[in-house]
Protein backbone atom coordinates (compact mmCIF):
# COMPACT_ATOMS: atom_id res chain seq x y z
CA LEU A 1 15.41 -23.53 5.14
CA TYR A 2 11.87 -25.06 5.55
CA ASP A 3 11.09 -21.27 5.59
CA LYS A 4 12.54 -20.10 3.10
CA ALA A 5 10.81 -23.27 0.89
CA LEU A 6 7.64 -22.44 2.36
CA ASN A 7 7.66 -18.90 1.10
CA GLN A 8 8.89 -19.91 -1.88
CA TRP A 9 5.86 -21.84 -2.05
CA LYS A 10 3.59 -19.18 -0.69
CA PHE A 11 4.93 -16.89 -3.68
CA TYR A 12 4.35 -19.02 -6.44
CA ASN A 13 0.54 -19.84 -5.25
CA THR A 14 -0.78 -16.24 -4.86
CA ALA A 15 1.73 -13.54 -6.58
CA VAL A 16 2.16 -15.03 -9.59
CA MET A 17 -1.55 -16.30 -10.11
CA PRO A 18 -4.22 -14.28 -11.89
CA GLY A 19 -7.21 -16.10 -10.11
CA PHE A 20 -5.11 -15.38 -6.46
CA HIS A 21 -5.56 -11.39 -7.69
CA ILE A 22 -8.89 -11.74 -9.18
CA ARG A 23 -10.37 -13.37 -6.11
CA ASN A 24 -9.00 -11.37 -3.64
CA THR A 25 -9.89 -7.65 -5.48
CA MET A 26 -13.51 -9.22 -5.53
CA SER A 27 -13.37 -9.89 -1.84
CA ASP A 28 -11.32 -6.61 -1.03
CA VAL A 29 -14.20 -4.60 -2.65
CA ILE A 30 -16.69 -6.39 -0.84
CA MET A 31 -14.77 -6.10 2.53
CA ASN A 32 -14.60 -2.18 1.67
CA ALA A 33 -18.22 -1.73 0.95
CA ALA A 34 -19.05 -3.50 3.98
CA ASP A 35 -17.53 -0.47 5.71
CA GLY A 36 -19.20 1.97 3.47
CA VAL A 37 -16.82 2.54 0.88
CA TRP A 38 -19.44 2.73 -2.03
CA ASN A 39 -18.08 5.98 -4.18
CA PRO A 40 -16.02 4.28 -7.34
CA GLN A 41 -13.79 8.04 -7.50
CA ARG A 42 -12.51 6.40 -4.00
CA TYR A 43 -10.03 4.28 -6.21
CA GLY A 44 -9.19 7.13 -8.38
CA GLN A 45 -7.74 8.70 -5.54
CA ALA A 46 -6.26 5.98 -4.62
CA ALA A 47 -4.64 5.57 -8.06
CA LYS A 48 -3.65 9.02 -7.93
CA VAL A 49 -2.13 8.96 -4.86
CA MET A 50 -0.11 5.87 -5.80
CA ALA A 51 0.67 7.00 -9.06
CA ASP A 52 2.20 10.44 -7.69
CA ARG A 53 4.41 8.65 -5.56
CA LYS A 54 5.98 6.57 -7.83
CA ALA A 55 6.68 9.74 -10.11
CA VAL A 56 8.51 11.10 -7.30
CA VAL A 57 10.84 7.57 -6.38
CA ASP A 58 11.23 7.27 -9.95
CA ARG A 59 12.79 10.86 -10.40
CA GLN A 60 14.79 10.22 -7.12
CA LEU A 61 16.45 7.40 -8.61
CA ALA A 62 17.16 9.13 -11.94
CA GLN A 63 18.73 11.89 -10.07
CA MET A 64 20.68 9.12 -7.90
CA LEU A 65 22.13 7.80 -11.59
CA ASP A 66 22.30 11.36 -12.93
CA PRO A 67 22.94 14.28 -10.86
CA ASP A 68 21.91 16.37 -13.61
CA ALA A 69 18.22 15.30 -13.29
CA THR A 70 18.08 17.09 -10.07
CA VAL A 71 15.72 20.13 -11.05
CA THR A 72 13.28 17.79 -12.55
CA ALA A 73 13.35 15.19 -9.77
CA PHE A 74 12.62 18.52 -7.31
CA ASP A 75 9.94 19.59 -10.05
CA THR A 76 8.03 16.02 -9.63
CA ALA A 77 7.90 16.40 -5.82
CA ARG A 78 6.31 20.04 -6.49
CA LYS A 79 4.15 18.89 -8.56
CA SER A 80 2.73 15.60 -6.13
CA ARG A 81 2.45 18.48 -3.01
CA ALA A 82 0.69 20.79 -5.08
CA THR A 83 -2.37 18.23 -5.85
CA GLY A 84 -3.56 15.86 -3.69
CA VAL A 85 -7.15 14.46 -1.79
CA LYS A 86 -9.58 16.19 -0.24
CA LEU A 87 -10.14 15.15 3.11
CA GLY A 88 -13.11 16.57 4.95
CA GLY A 89 -12.76 19.55 3.20
CA LYS A 90 -9.30 20.32 3.08
CA THR A 91 -6.83 19.17 0.15
CA ILE A 92 -4.41 17.26 1.34
CA SER A 93 -1.02 16.35 -0.88
CA SER A 94 -0.47 12.59 -2.10
CA ASP A 95 2.68 12.75 -0.23
CA GLU A 96 1.13 13.56 2.94
CA VAL A 97 -1.76 10.88 2.17
CA TRP A 98 0.57 8.15 1.43
CA ASP A 99 2.70 9.02 4.46
CA LEU A 100 -0.76 8.69 6.53
CA TYR A 101 -1.50 5.39 5.24
CA GLY A 102 1.64 3.89 6.40
CA LYS A 103 1.91 5.68 9.61
CA SER A 104 -1.47 4.39 10.43
CA GLY A 105 -1.02 1.17 9.36
CA ALA A 106 -3.34 0.51 6.90
CA LYS A 107 -0.82 -0.94 5.06
CA SER A 108 -0.06 -4.56 5.73
CA GLY A 109 -0.74 -6.66 2.46
CA LEU A 110 -0.46 -10.35 2.30
CA ILE A 111 2.36 -10.71 -0.47
CA THR A 112 4.50 -8.04 2.20
CA SER A 113 3.26 -9.58 5.44
CA GLU A 114 2.91 -13.62 4.37
CA VAL A 115 6.01 -13.77 1.28
CA GLN A 116 7.82 -11.24 3.44
CA ARG A 117 9.44 -9.06 0.57
CA SER A 118 11.22 -6.15 2.06
CA LEU A 119 13.30 -4.95 -0.75
CA THR A 120 13.07 -0.94 -1.21
CA ASP A 121 13.00 0.77 -4.27
CA PHE A 122 16.93 1.27 -4.66
CA GLN A 123 17.88 -2.23 -3.69
CA LYS A 124 15.71 -3.35 -6.36
CA LYS A 125 17.33 -1.36 -8.75
CA GLY A 126 20.67 -2.60 -7.79
CA LEU A 127 19.65 -5.96 -8.55
CA ALA A 128 21.85 -7.99 -11.11
CA ASP A 129 20.44 -11.25 -11.20
CA ARG A 130 17.17 -11.31 -13.56
CA TYR A 131 15.03 -14.14 -11.82
CA LYS A 132 15.28 -11.93 -8.07
CA LYS A 133 14.35 -8.85 -10.58
CA GLY A 134 11.60 -10.68 -11.81
CA GLN A 135 10.17 -11.89 -8.48
CA ALA A 136 10.29 -7.92 -7.31
CA LEU A 137 8.15 -6.75 -10.08
CA ILE A 138 5.47 -9.59 -9.45
CA GLY A 139 5.62 -8.59 -5.69
CA ASP A 140 5.33 -4.86 -7.01
CA VAL A 141 2.17 -5.56 -8.90
CA ALA A 142 0.73 -7.78 -5.96
CA ASP A 143 1.42 -5.09 -3.73
CA ASN A 144 0.21 -2.44 -5.87
CA ARG A 145 -2.90 -4.05 -6.46
CA GLU A 146 -3.45 -4.46 -2.34
CA ASP A 147 -2.54 -0.67 -1.69
CA TRP A 148 -4.69 0.40 -4.28
CA ILE A 149 -7.78 -1.04 -2.52
CA ARG A 150 -6.49 -0.62 0.59
CA MET A 151 -6.13 2.89 -0.18
CA ALA A 152 -9.24 3.76 -1.15
CA HIS A 153 -10.52 2.59 1.79
CA PHE A 154 -8.07 4.64 3.68
CA ILE A 155 -9.05 7.74 2.27
CA ASP A 156 -12.83 7.13 2.64
CA ALA A 157 -12.44 6.44 5.92
CA THR A 158 -10.50 9.43 6.59
CA ASP A 159 -12.66 11.68 5.08
CA SER A 160 -16.19 9.94 6.97
CA ILE A 161 -14.41 10.29 10.02
CA LEU A 162 -13.51 13.98 9.65
CA LYS A 163 -17.06 15.23 8.08
CA LYS A 164 -19.08 13.09 11.10
CA SER A 165 -16.68 14.35 13.85
CA LYS A 166 -18.75 16.79 16.38
CA LYS A 167 -15.56 18.90 17.49
CA PRO A 168 -12.71 19.51 15.76
CA MET A 169 -10.26 17.03 14.51
CA SER A 170 -6.66 16.68 12.81
CA VAL A 171 -6.07 14.91 9.66
CA GLU A 172 -3.51 12.87 11.60
CA ALA A 173 -5.84 11.80 14.40
CA ALA A 174 -8.75 10.86 12.03
CA ALA A 175 -5.90 8.81 9.43
CA MET A 176 -4.94 6.59 13.00
CA GLU A 177 -8.86 5.53 13.44
CA ALA A 178 -8.88 5.08 9.65
CA GLY A 179 -6.23 2.84 9.92
CA GLN A 180 -7.71 0.63 12.25
CA ARG A 181 -11.06 0.50 9.95
CA VAL A 182 -8.51 -0.34 7.12
CA ARG A 183 -6.72 -3.09 9.43
CA LYS A 184 -10.61 -4.83 10.87
CA TYR A 185 -11.85 -4.92 7.22
CA ASN A 186 -8.70 -5.55 4.90
CA ILE A 187 -7.06 -8.21 7.50
CA ASP A 188 -3.50 -6.95 8.82
CA TYR A 189 -2.17 -10.32 7.85
CA GLY A 190 1.18 -8.96 9.76
CA ASN A 191 -0.85 -8.59 13.09
CA LEU A 192 -0.09 -12.17 14.75
CA SER A 193 0.82 -13.90 18.19
CA THR A 194 4.16 -15.27 18.24
CA PHE A 195 2.41 -18.90 18.10
CA GLU A 196 0.42 -18.09 15.07
CA ARG A 197 3.82 -16.60 13.40
CA ASN A 198 6.26 -19.35 14.61
CA VAL A 199 3.86 -22.56 14.48
CA MET A 200 0.91 -22.12 12.65
CA LYS A 201 1.95 -20.65 9.74
CA ARG A 202 4.54 -23.31 9.67
CA ILE A 203 1.87 -25.53 9.94
CA VAL A 204 -0.96 -24.42 8.22
CA PRO A 205 0.94 -22.29 5.07
């Protein structure tokens, strides 16, 4: 009961507060710059990857509700795979960039780790409770803001590692290194010891 109450308190002092997002965006961009992310185009590329992924997920959800939407769903997925981001001189599809972003451990935002939102897109569609739907929507906005900054850092770091490597290197290997850099500069909120997680988080929320 205490943990549930604490998570609600955290949620209303973070995700729903505009000032929280403004401050975090400013500090996250500064931390990106500390690792050499100066190219503003990286943020546009990050937004593109996220928009492509959302389009595919939306089509998949639509197809579940309407089997006749199958062709449209596959068409959206095909277009997403056909376009993407240049990493080390090679164009990588938005789908693959998103997958690498997750596999590398770069995706770990404050709302996801601290407030423990773990609903899938499919589960959120099935929510009947308007209050819970509202919470899911607010949480999505918070997660998307964090993913946008972290994704821009991930893309820049992966591209930089590939270009600076003195020997042939796979995109996957570069992505794993990039994930470490993102976690270092943008803080991995889930990387806590058992003592920090079970004691300190409850004492110092």
